[in-house]
Amino acid sequence: MPEYPPKLHEVLEDFESINDRSERSEMLIYYADRFESVPEHIATRPFNEAHRVPACESEAYVWSTPRRDGTLDFFFAVENPQGLSAQALSRILAETVSGAPLDQVASIDPSLVLTLFGNDLSMGKGQGLMGIVSMVRAHALAQLKAS
């Protein structure tokens, strides 16, 4: 596994150890239940389309704001109330990559979605979730280039 942010690495290890489908679902619901949409001081509806994740059926959006130390805080919105998978992934990313070294965030492979959700994801859902990860990476890369 590449050098991911330590908190993300821990979550991935937790999910890799789960073989039971219902246990995986429970873990994902745990994260989805804790999802918090982007605060109004970052963005308000209607959200700027530049922040919308392409190909995401759940209408997910990604923002980042720089910290004083040069890292980023990440914020998400998921407009489809049935978008539990997008909410779970967004919560996991918000908790594990905010404040992490930008080179580590930029190295995240979108296929980590398969580690979290398992291999039985539909192609459409998988593409949308990988799109969320790709946007997070893009924000980190842009911040690296700007600094």
C-alpha atoms as a PDB file:
ATOM      1  CA  MET A   1       0.000   0.000   0.000  1.00  0.00           C
ATOM      2  CA  PRO A   2       1.375   3.461  -0.853  1.00  0.00           C
ATOM      3  CA  GLU A   3       2.139   5.880   1.938  1.00  0.00           C
ATOM      4  CA  TYR A   4      -1.364   7.062   2.746  1.00  0.00           C
ATOM      5  CA  PRO A   5      -2.259   9.419   5.571  1.00  0.00           C
ATOM      6  CA  PRO A   6      -1.978   7.348   8.775  1.00  0.00           C
ATOM      7  CA  LYS A   7      -5.636   7.787   9.755  1.00  0.00           C
ATOM      8  CA  LEU A   8      -6.769   6.627   6.304  1.00  0.00           C
ATOM      9  CA  HIS A   9      -4.387   3.685   6.462  1.00  0.00           C
ATOM     10  CA  GLU A  10      -5.969   2.622   9.787  1.00  0.00           C
ATOM     11  CA  VAL A  11      -9.496   2.787   8.369  1.00  0.00           C
ATOM     12  CA  LEU A  12      -8.459   0.790   5.308  1.00  0.00           C
ATOM     13  CA  GLU A  13      -6.868  -1.870   7.518  1.00  0.00           C
ATOM     14  CA  ASP A  14     -10.110  -2.082   9.511  1.00  0.00           C
ATOM     15  CA  PHE A  15     -12.119  -2.621   6.337  1.00  0.00           C
ATOM     16  CA  GLU A  16      -9.607  -5.109   4.890  1.00  0.00           C
ATOM     17  CA  SER A  17     -10.142  -7.296   7.948  1.00  0.00           C
ATOM     18  CA  ILE A  18     -13.917  -7.493   7.370  1.00  0.00           C
ATOM     19  CA  ASN A  19     -15.096 -10.535   5.442  1.00  0.00           C
ATOM     20  CA  ASP A  20     -18.758 -10.419   6.454  1.00  0.00           C
ATOM     21  CA  ARG A  21     -20.949  -8.347   4.137  1.00  0.00           C
ATOM     22  CA  SER A  22     -23.360  -7.279   6.891  1.00  0.00           C
ATOM     23  CA  GLU A  23     -20.482  -6.186   9.138  1.00  0.00           C
ATOM     24  CA  ARG A  24     -19.072  -4.089   6.254  1.00  0.00           C
ATOM     25  CA  SER A  25     -22.507  -2.539   5.744  1.00  0.00           C
ATOM     26  CA  GLU A  26     -22.759  -1.710   9.443  1.00  0.00           C
ATOM     27  CA  MET A  27     -19.367   0.013   9.369  1.00  0.00           C
ATOM     28  CA  LEU A  28     -20.348   2.047   6.322  1.00  0.00           C
ATOM     29  CA  ILE A  29     -23.679   3.022   7.895  1.00  0.00           C
ATOM     30  CA  TYR A  30     -21.762   4.096  10.999  1.00  0.00           C
ATOM     31  CA  TYR A  31     -19.791   6.573   8.872  1.00  0.00           C
ATOM     32  CA  ALA A  32     -22.813   7.666   6.821  1.00  0.00           C
ATOM     33  CA  ASP A  33     -24.756   8.421  10.018  1.00  0.00           C
ATOM     34  CA  ARG A  34     -21.950  10.782  11.067  1.00  0.00           C
ATOM     35  CA  PHE A  35     -21.832  12.620   7.734  1.00  0.00           C
ATOM     36  CA  GLU A  36     -21.968  16.395   8.037  1.00  0.00           C
ATOM     37  CA  SER A  37     -22.645  18.476   4.953  1.00  0.00           C
ATOM     38  CA  VAL A  38     -20.402  21.376   4.049  1.00  0.00           C
ATOM     39  CA  PRO A  39     -20.834  24.273   6.512  1.00  0.00           C
ATOM     40  CA  GLU A  40     -22.465  27.413   5.159  1.00  0.00           C
ATOM     41  CA  HIS A  41     -19.301  29.477   5.700  1.00  0.00           C
ATOM     42  CA  ILE A  42     -17.640  27.268   3.034  1.00  0.00           C
ATOM     43  CA  ALA A  43     -20.490  26.935   0.508  1.00  0.00           C
ATOM     44  CA  THR A  44     -24.227  27.506   0.171  1.00  0.00           C
ATOM     45  CA  ARG A  45     -26.840  26.110  -2.181  1.00  0.00           C
ATOM     46  CA  PRO A  46     -27.005  26.178  -5.095  1.00  0.00           C
ATOM     47  CA  PHE A  47     -23.471  24.812  -5.091  1.00  0.00           C
ATOM     48  CA  ASN A  48     -20.991  25.871  -7.745  1.00  0.00           C
ATOM     49  CA  GLU A  49     -20.802  23.139 -10.396  1.00  0.00           C
ATOM     50  CA  ALA A  50     -16.993  23.387 -10.359  1.00  0.00           C
ATOM     51  CA  HIS A  51     -17.120  21.481  -7.054  1.00  0.00           C
ATOM     52  CA  ARG A  52     -19.468  18.755  -8.311  1.00  0.00           C
ATOM     53  CA  VAL A  53     -18.033  15.266  -8.677  1.00  0.00           C
ATOM     54  CA  PRO A  54     -18.418  14.089 -12.285  1.00  0.00           C
ATOM     55  CA  ALA A  55     -20.343  10.832 -12.770  1.00  0.00           C
ATOM     56  CA  CYS A  56     -21.530  10.684  -9.154  1.00  0.00           C
ATOM     57  CA  GLU A  57     -25.158   9.581  -8.980  1.00  0.00           C
ATOM     58  CA  SER A  58     -25.458  11.020  -5.468  1.00  0.00           C
ATOM     59  CA  GLU A  59     -24.633  14.568  -6.583  1.00  0.00           C
ATOM     60  CA  ALA A  60     -21.532  14.853  -4.408  1.00  0.00           C
ATOM     61  CA  TYR A  61     -19.451  18.004  -4.101  1.00  0.00           C
ATOM     62  CA  VAL A  62     -15.938  18.564  -2.709  1.00  0.00           C
ATOM     63  CA  TRP A  63     -14.285  21.690  -1.263  1.00  0.00           C
ATOM     64  CA  SER A  64     -11.005  22.297   0.491  1.00  0.00           C
ATOM     65  CA  THR A  65      -9.608  25.156   2.508  1.00  0.00           C
ATOM     66  CA  PRO A  66      -5.943  25.628   3.390  1.00  0.00           C
ATOM     67  CA  ARG A  67      -4.677  25.396   6.940  1.00  0.00           C
ATOM     68  CA  ARG A  68      -1.868  27.574   8.233  1.00  0.00           C
ATOM     69  CA  ASP A  69       0.533  24.633   7.938  1.00  0.00           C
ATOM     70  CA  GLY A  70      -0.199  24.298   4.201  1.00  0.00           C
ATOM     71  CA  THR A  71      -2.375  21.179   4.483  1.00  0.00           C
ATOM     72  CA  LEU A  72      -6.062  21.179   3.603  1.00  0.00           C
ATOM     73  CA  ASP A  73      -9.368  20.671   5.341  1.00  0.00           C
ATOM     74  CA  PHE A  74     -11.895  18.859   3.153  1.00  0.00           C
ATOM     75  CA  PHE A  75     -15.645  19.411   3.066  1.00  0.00           C
ATOM     76  CA  PHE A  76     -18.349  17.508   1.237  1.00  0.00           C
ATOM     77  CA  ALA A  77     -21.984  17.726   0.266  1.00  0.00           C
ATOM     78  CA  VAL A  78     -24.126  14.832  -0.923  1.00  0.00           C
ATOM     79  CA  GLU A  79     -27.385  16.122  -2.345  1.00  0.00           C
ATOM     80  CA  ASN A  80     -29.108  12.760  -2.801  1.00  0.00           C
ATOM     81  CA  PRO A  81     -30.505  11.795   0.629  1.00  0.00           C
ATOM     82  CA  GLN A  82     -30.263   8.137  -0.448  1.00  0.00           C
ATOM     83  CA  GLY A  83     -26.544   8.527  -1.177  1.00  0.00           C
ATOM     84  CA  LEU A  84     -25.378   6.611   1.878  1.00  0.00           C
ATOM     85  CA  SER A  85     -22.259   5.283   0.166  1.00  0.00           C
ATOM     86  CA  ALA A  86     -21.193   8.779  -0.888  1.00  0.00           C
ATOM     87  CA  GLN A  87     -21.937  10.050   2.622  1.00  0.00           C
ATOM     88  CA  ALA A  88     -19.896   7.254   4.213  1.00  0.00           C
ATOM     89  CA  LEU A  89     -16.918   7.813   1.908  1.00  0.00           C
ATOM     90  CA  SER A  90     -17.105  11.578   2.382  1.00  0.00           C
ATOM     91  CA  ARG A  91     -17.080  11.198   6.159  1.00  0.00           C
ATOM     92  CA  ILE A  92     -14.150   8.780   6.026  1.00  0.00           C
ATOM     93  CA  LEU A  93     -12.169  11.175   3.835  1.00  0.00           C
ATOM     94  CA  ALA A  94     -13.051  14.237   5.920  1.00  0.00           C
ATOM     95  CA  GLU A  95     -11.820  12.465   9.048  1.00  0.00           C
ATOM     96  CA  THR A  96      -8.700  10.899   7.587  1.00  0.00           C
ATOM     97  CA  VAL A  97      -7.210  13.262   5.011  1.00  0.00           C
ATOM     98  CA  SER A  98      -7.990  16.705   6.432  1.00  0.00           C
ATOM     99  CA  GLY A  99      -4.715  18.013   7.787  1.00  0.00           C
ATOM    100  CA  ALA A 100      -2.697  15.182   6.248  1.00  0.00           C
ATOM    101  CA  PRO A 101       0.499  15.808   4.260  1.00  0.00           C
ATOM    102  CA  LEU A 102      -0.471  16.854   0.750  1.00  0.00           C
ATOM    103  CA  ASP A 103       1.873  14.385  -0.955  1.00  0.00           C
ATOM    104  CA  GLN A 104       0.139  11.542   0.888  1.00  0.00           C
ATOM    105  CA  VAL A 105      -3.324  12.826  -0.044  1.00  0.00           C
ATOM    106  CA  ALA A 106      -2.224  13.254  -3.659  1.00  0.00           C
ATOM    107  CA  SER A 107      -1.021   9.635  -3.760  1.00  0.00           C
ATOM    108  CA  ILE A 108      -4.355   8.108  -2.763  1.00  0.00           C
ATOM    109  CA  ASP A 109      -5.491   5.569  -5.339  1.00  0.00           C
ATOM    110  CA  PRO A 110      -9.213   5.874  -6.120  1.00  0.00           C
ATOM    111  CA  SER A 111      -9.420   2.071  -6.088  1.00  0.00           C
ATOM    112  CA  LEU A 112      -9.390   2.287  -2.289  1.00  0.00           C
ATOM    113  CA  VAL A 113     -13.161   2.461  -2.810  1.00  0.00           C
ATOM    114  CA  LEU A 114     -13.064  -1.299  -3.461  1.00  0.00           C
ATOM    115  CA  THR A 115     -11.299  -1.876  -0.134  1.00  0.00           C
ATOM    116  CA  LEU A 116     -14.002   0.081   1.670  1.00  0.00           C
ATOM    117  CA  PHE A 117     -17.088  -1.106  -0.198  1.00  0.00           C
ATOM    118  CA  GLY A 118     -16.060  -4.501  -1.508  1.00  0.00           C
ATOM    119  CA  ASN A 119     -15.889  -5.789  -5.047  1.00  0.00           C
ATOM    120  CA  ASP A 120     -19.632  -6.087  -5.545  1.00  0.00           C
ATOM    121  CA  LEU A 121     -20.153  -2.371  -6.221  1.00  0.00           C
ATOM    122  CA  SER A 122     -22.083  -1.513  -9.351  1.00  0.00           C
ATOM    123  CA  MET A 123     -19.963   0.130 -12.027  1.00  0.00           C
ATOM    124  CA  GLY A 124     -21.913   3.392 -11.784  1.00  0.00           C
ATOM    125  CA  LYS A 125     -21.657   3.647  -8.018  1.00  0.00           C
ATOM    126  CA  GLY A 126     -17.992   2.686  -8.089  1.00  0.00           C
ATOM    127  CA  GLN A 127     -17.196   5.344 -10.683  1.00  0.00           C
ATOM    128  CA  GLY A 128     -18.972   8.015  -8.664  1.00  0.00           C
ATOM    129  CA  LEU A 129     -17.211   7.077  -5.440  1.00  0.00           C
ATOM    130  CA  MET A 130     -13.836   6.930  -7.176  1.00  0.00           C
ATOM    131  CA  GLY A 131     -14.664  10.377  -8.562  1.00  0.00           C
ATOM    132  CA  ILE A 132     -14.932  11.719  -5.008  1.00  0.00           C
ATOM    133  CA  VAL A 133     -11.468  10.359  -4.216  1.00  0.00           C
ATOM    134  CA  SER A 134     -10.119  11.769  -7.488  1.00  0.00           C
ATOM    135  CA  MET A 135     -11.405  15.245  -6.635  1.00  0.00           C
ATOM    136  CA  VAL A 136      -9.768  15.096  -3.212  1.00  0.00           C
ATOM    137  CA  ARG A 137      -6.497  14.125  -4.916  1.00  0.00           C
ATOM    138  CA  ALA A 138      -6.903  16.967  -7.418  1.00  0.00           C
ATOM    139  CA  HIS A 139      -7.328  19.503  -4.602  1.00  0.00           C
ATOM    140  CA  ALA A 140      -4.169  18.208  -2.920  1.00  0.00           C
ATOM    141  CA  LEU A 141      -2.207  18.308  -6.200  1.00  0.00           C
ATOM    142  CA  ALA A 142      -3.361  21.861  -6.904  1.00  0.00           C
ATOM    143  CA  GLN A 143      -2.302  22.951  -3.419  1.00  0.00           C
ATOM    144  CA  LEU A 144       1.095  21.269  -3.857  1.00  0.00           C
ATOM    145  CA  LYS A 145       1.654  23.121  -7.145  1.00  0.00           C
ATOM    146  CA  ALA A 146       0.592  26.427  -5.601  1.00  0.00           C
ATOM    147  CA  SER A 147       3.031  26.130  -2.710  1.00  0.00           C
END
